[in-house]
Amino acid sequence: MAKFEECLQRLEKIVQELEKGEVPLEKSLTLFEEGMNLSSACRKELEQAEGKVEILLKKNGKLQAEPYESVAEKASARR
C-alpha cells in the first residue's frame, strides 16, 4: 500500500475530477470507489499512528515503540 501522503494526494485528485462534473457516470463510479478505498486506507493509517502515539505517551516519557493492534485486531484475537 502506498504511503499516507500518496493516498491523500490521489484522493484530492479524485475529488477535484469529480467536482468538475465532466466525467461520465461509469468513470465517476470507478473514481468514487477508488476514493472510498483510499479514504479507508488513510483512516486506518491515522488510527495506527494515533495508537502508537498513545502507547508512547503511556510509557512515562520513555520513548519505546510497540507494535500497534487496532481495535478490530484485538477483538479478533479474543475469539
C-alpha atoms as a PDB file:
ATOM      1  CA  MET A   1       0.000   0.000   0.000  1.00  0.00           C
ATOM      2  CA  ALA A   2       1.206   3.457  -0.824  1.00  0.00           C
ATOM      3  CA  LYS A   3       2.245   5.866   1.879  1.00  0.00           C
ATOM      4  CA  PHE A   4      -0.344   8.066   3.569  1.00  0.00           C
ATOM      5  CA  GLU A   5       0.727  11.190   1.708  1.00  0.00           C
ATOM      6  CA  GLU A   6       0.473   9.467  -1.671  1.00  0.00           C
ATOM      7  CA  CYS A   7      -3.017   8.167  -0.856  1.00  0.00           C
ATOM      8  CA  LEU A   8      -4.094  11.619   0.250  1.00  0.00           C
ATOM      9  CA  GLN A   9      -2.758  13.260  -2.931  1.00  0.00           C
ATOM     10  CA  ARG A  10      -4.572  10.734  -5.125  1.00  0.00           C
ATOM     11  CA  LEU A  11      -7.759  11.231  -3.114  1.00  0.00           C
ATOM     12  CA  GLU A  12      -7.529  15.003  -3.636  1.00  0.00           C
ATOM     13  CA  LYS A  13      -7.137  14.489  -7.410  1.00  0.00           C
ATOM     14  CA  ILE A  14     -10.183  12.223  -7.481  1.00  0.00           C
ATOM     15  CA  VAL A  15     -12.278  14.796  -5.615  1.00  0.00           C
ATOM     16  CA  GLN A  16     -11.171  17.555  -7.998  1.00  0.00           C
ATOM     17  CA  GLU A  17     -12.028  15.422 -11.019  1.00  0.00           C
ATOM     18  CA  LEU A  18     -15.458  14.529  -9.650  1.00  0.00           C
ATOM     19  CA  GLU A  19     -16.214  18.129  -8.685  1.00  0.00           C
ATOM     20  CA  LYS A  20     -15.647  19.291 -12.275  1.00  0.00           C
ATOM     21  CA  GLY A  21     -18.672  17.217 -13.275  1.00  0.00           C
ATOM     22  CA  GLU A  22     -17.193  16.420 -16.683  1.00  0.00           C
ATOM     23  CA  VAL A  23     -16.605  12.720 -16.021  1.00  0.00           C
ATOM     24  CA  PRO A  24     -19.019  10.128 -17.492  1.00  0.00           C
ATOM     25  CA  LEU A  25     -21.157   8.244 -14.965  1.00  0.00           C
ATOM     26  CA  GLU A  26     -19.279   4.937 -15.267  1.00  0.00           C
ATOM     27  CA  LYS A  27     -15.918   6.669 -14.723  1.00  0.00           C
ATOM     28  CA  SER A  28     -17.401   8.644 -11.800  1.00  0.00           C
ATOM     29  CA  LEU A  29     -18.458   5.417 -10.111  1.00  0.00           C
ATOM     30  CA  THR A  30     -14.996   3.922 -10.612  1.00  0.00           C
ATOM     31  CA  LEU A  31     -13.339   7.046  -9.204  1.00  0.00           C
ATOM     32  CA  PHE A  32     -15.762   7.123  -6.277  1.00  0.00           C
ATOM     33  CA  GLU A  33     -14.978   3.504  -5.426  1.00  0.00           C
ATOM     34  CA  GLU A  34     -11.231   4.176  -5.610  1.00  0.00           C
ATOM     35  CA  GLY A  35     -11.711   7.242  -3.413  1.00  0.00           C
ATOM     36  CA  MET A  36     -13.598   5.247  -0.788  1.00  0.00           C
ATOM     37  CA  ASN A  37     -10.812   2.639  -0.710  1.00  0.00           C
ATOM     38  CA  LEU A  38      -8.160   5.347  -0.365  1.00  0.00           C
ATOM     39  CA  SER A  39     -10.167   7.064   2.365  1.00  0.00           C
ATOM     40  CA  SER A  40     -10.386   3.801   4.288  1.00  0.00           C
ATOM     41  CA  ALA A  41      -6.640   3.190   3.916  1.00  0.00           C
ATOM     42  CA  CYS A  42      -5.851   6.728   5.133  1.00  0.00           C
ATOM     43  CA  ARG A  43      -8.175   6.323   8.115  1.00  0.00           C
ATOM     44  CA  LYS A  44      -6.519   3.025   9.112  1.00  0.00           C
ATOM     45  CA  GLU A  45      -3.070   4.570   8.889  1.00  0.00           C
ATOM     46  CA  LEU A  46      -4.144   7.538  11.018  1.00  0.00           C
ATOM     47  CA  GLU A  47      -5.657   5.201  13.628  1.00  0.00           C
ATOM     48  CA  GLN A  48      -2.410   3.234  13.784  1.00  0.00           C
ATOM     49  CA  ALA A  49      -0.374   6.426  14.169  1.00  0.00           C
ATOM     50  CA  GLU A  50      -2.700   7.619  16.925  1.00  0.00           C
ATOM     51  CA  GLY A  51      -2.363   4.281  18.692  1.00  0.00           C
ATOM     52  CA  LYS A  52       1.435   4.455  18.558  1.00  0.00           C
ATOM     53  CA  VAL A  53       1.397   7.979  19.976  1.00  0.00           C
ATOM     54  CA  GLU A  54      -0.856   6.846  22.838  1.00  0.00           C
ATOM     55  CA  ILE A  55       1.456   3.921  23.588  1.00  0.00           C
ATOM     56  CA  LEU A  56       4.474   6.245  23.651  1.00  0.00           C
ATOM     57  CA  LEU A  57       2.725   8.708  25.944  1.00  0.00           C
ATOM     58  CA  LYS A  58       1.771   5.935  28.376  1.00  0.00           C
ATOM     59  CA  LYS A  59       5.416   4.917  28.778  1.00  0.00           C
ATOM     60  CA  ASN A  60       6.047   7.703  31.325  1.00  0.00           C
ATOM     61  CA  GLY A  61       8.179   9.657  28.931  1.00  0.00           C
ATOM     62  CA  LYS A  62      10.231   6.632  27.904  1.00  0.00           C
ATOM     63  CA  LEU A  63      10.021   6.655  24.121  1.00  0.00           C
ATOM     64  CA  GLN A  64       9.721   2.992  23.339  1.00  0.00           C
ATOM     65  CA  ALA A  65       7.696   1.956  20.307  1.00  0.00           C
ATOM     66  CA  GLU A  66       5.476  -1.116  20.479  1.00  0.00           C
ATOM     67  CA  PRO A  67       3.538  -2.874  17.745  1.00  0.00           C
ATOM     68  CA  TYR A  68       0.089  -1.352  17.412  1.00  0.00           C
ATOM     69  CA  GLU A  69      -3.026  -3.513  17.369  1.00  0.00           C
ATOM     70  CA  SER A  70      -6.185  -1.958  16.027  1.00  0.00           C
ATOM     71  CA  VAL A  71      -9.469  -2.427  17.837  1.00  0.00           C
ATOM     72  CA  ALA A  72     -10.542  -4.934  15.176  1.00  0.00           C
ATOM     73  CA  GLU A  73      -7.316  -6.926  15.605  1.00  0.00           C
ATOM     74  CA  LYS A  74      -7.777  -7.013  19.387  1.00  0.00           C
ATOM     75  CA  ALA A  75     -11.375  -8.160  19.001  1.00  0.00           C
ATOM     76  CA  SER A  76     -10.459 -10.980  16.608  1.00  0.00           C
ATOM     77  CA  ALA A  77      -7.607 -12.084  18.895  1.00  0.00           C
ATOM     78  CA  ARG A  78     -10.076 -12.571  21.762  1.00  0.00           C
ATOM     79  CA  ARG A  79     -12.227 -15.021  19.789  1.00  0.00           C
END
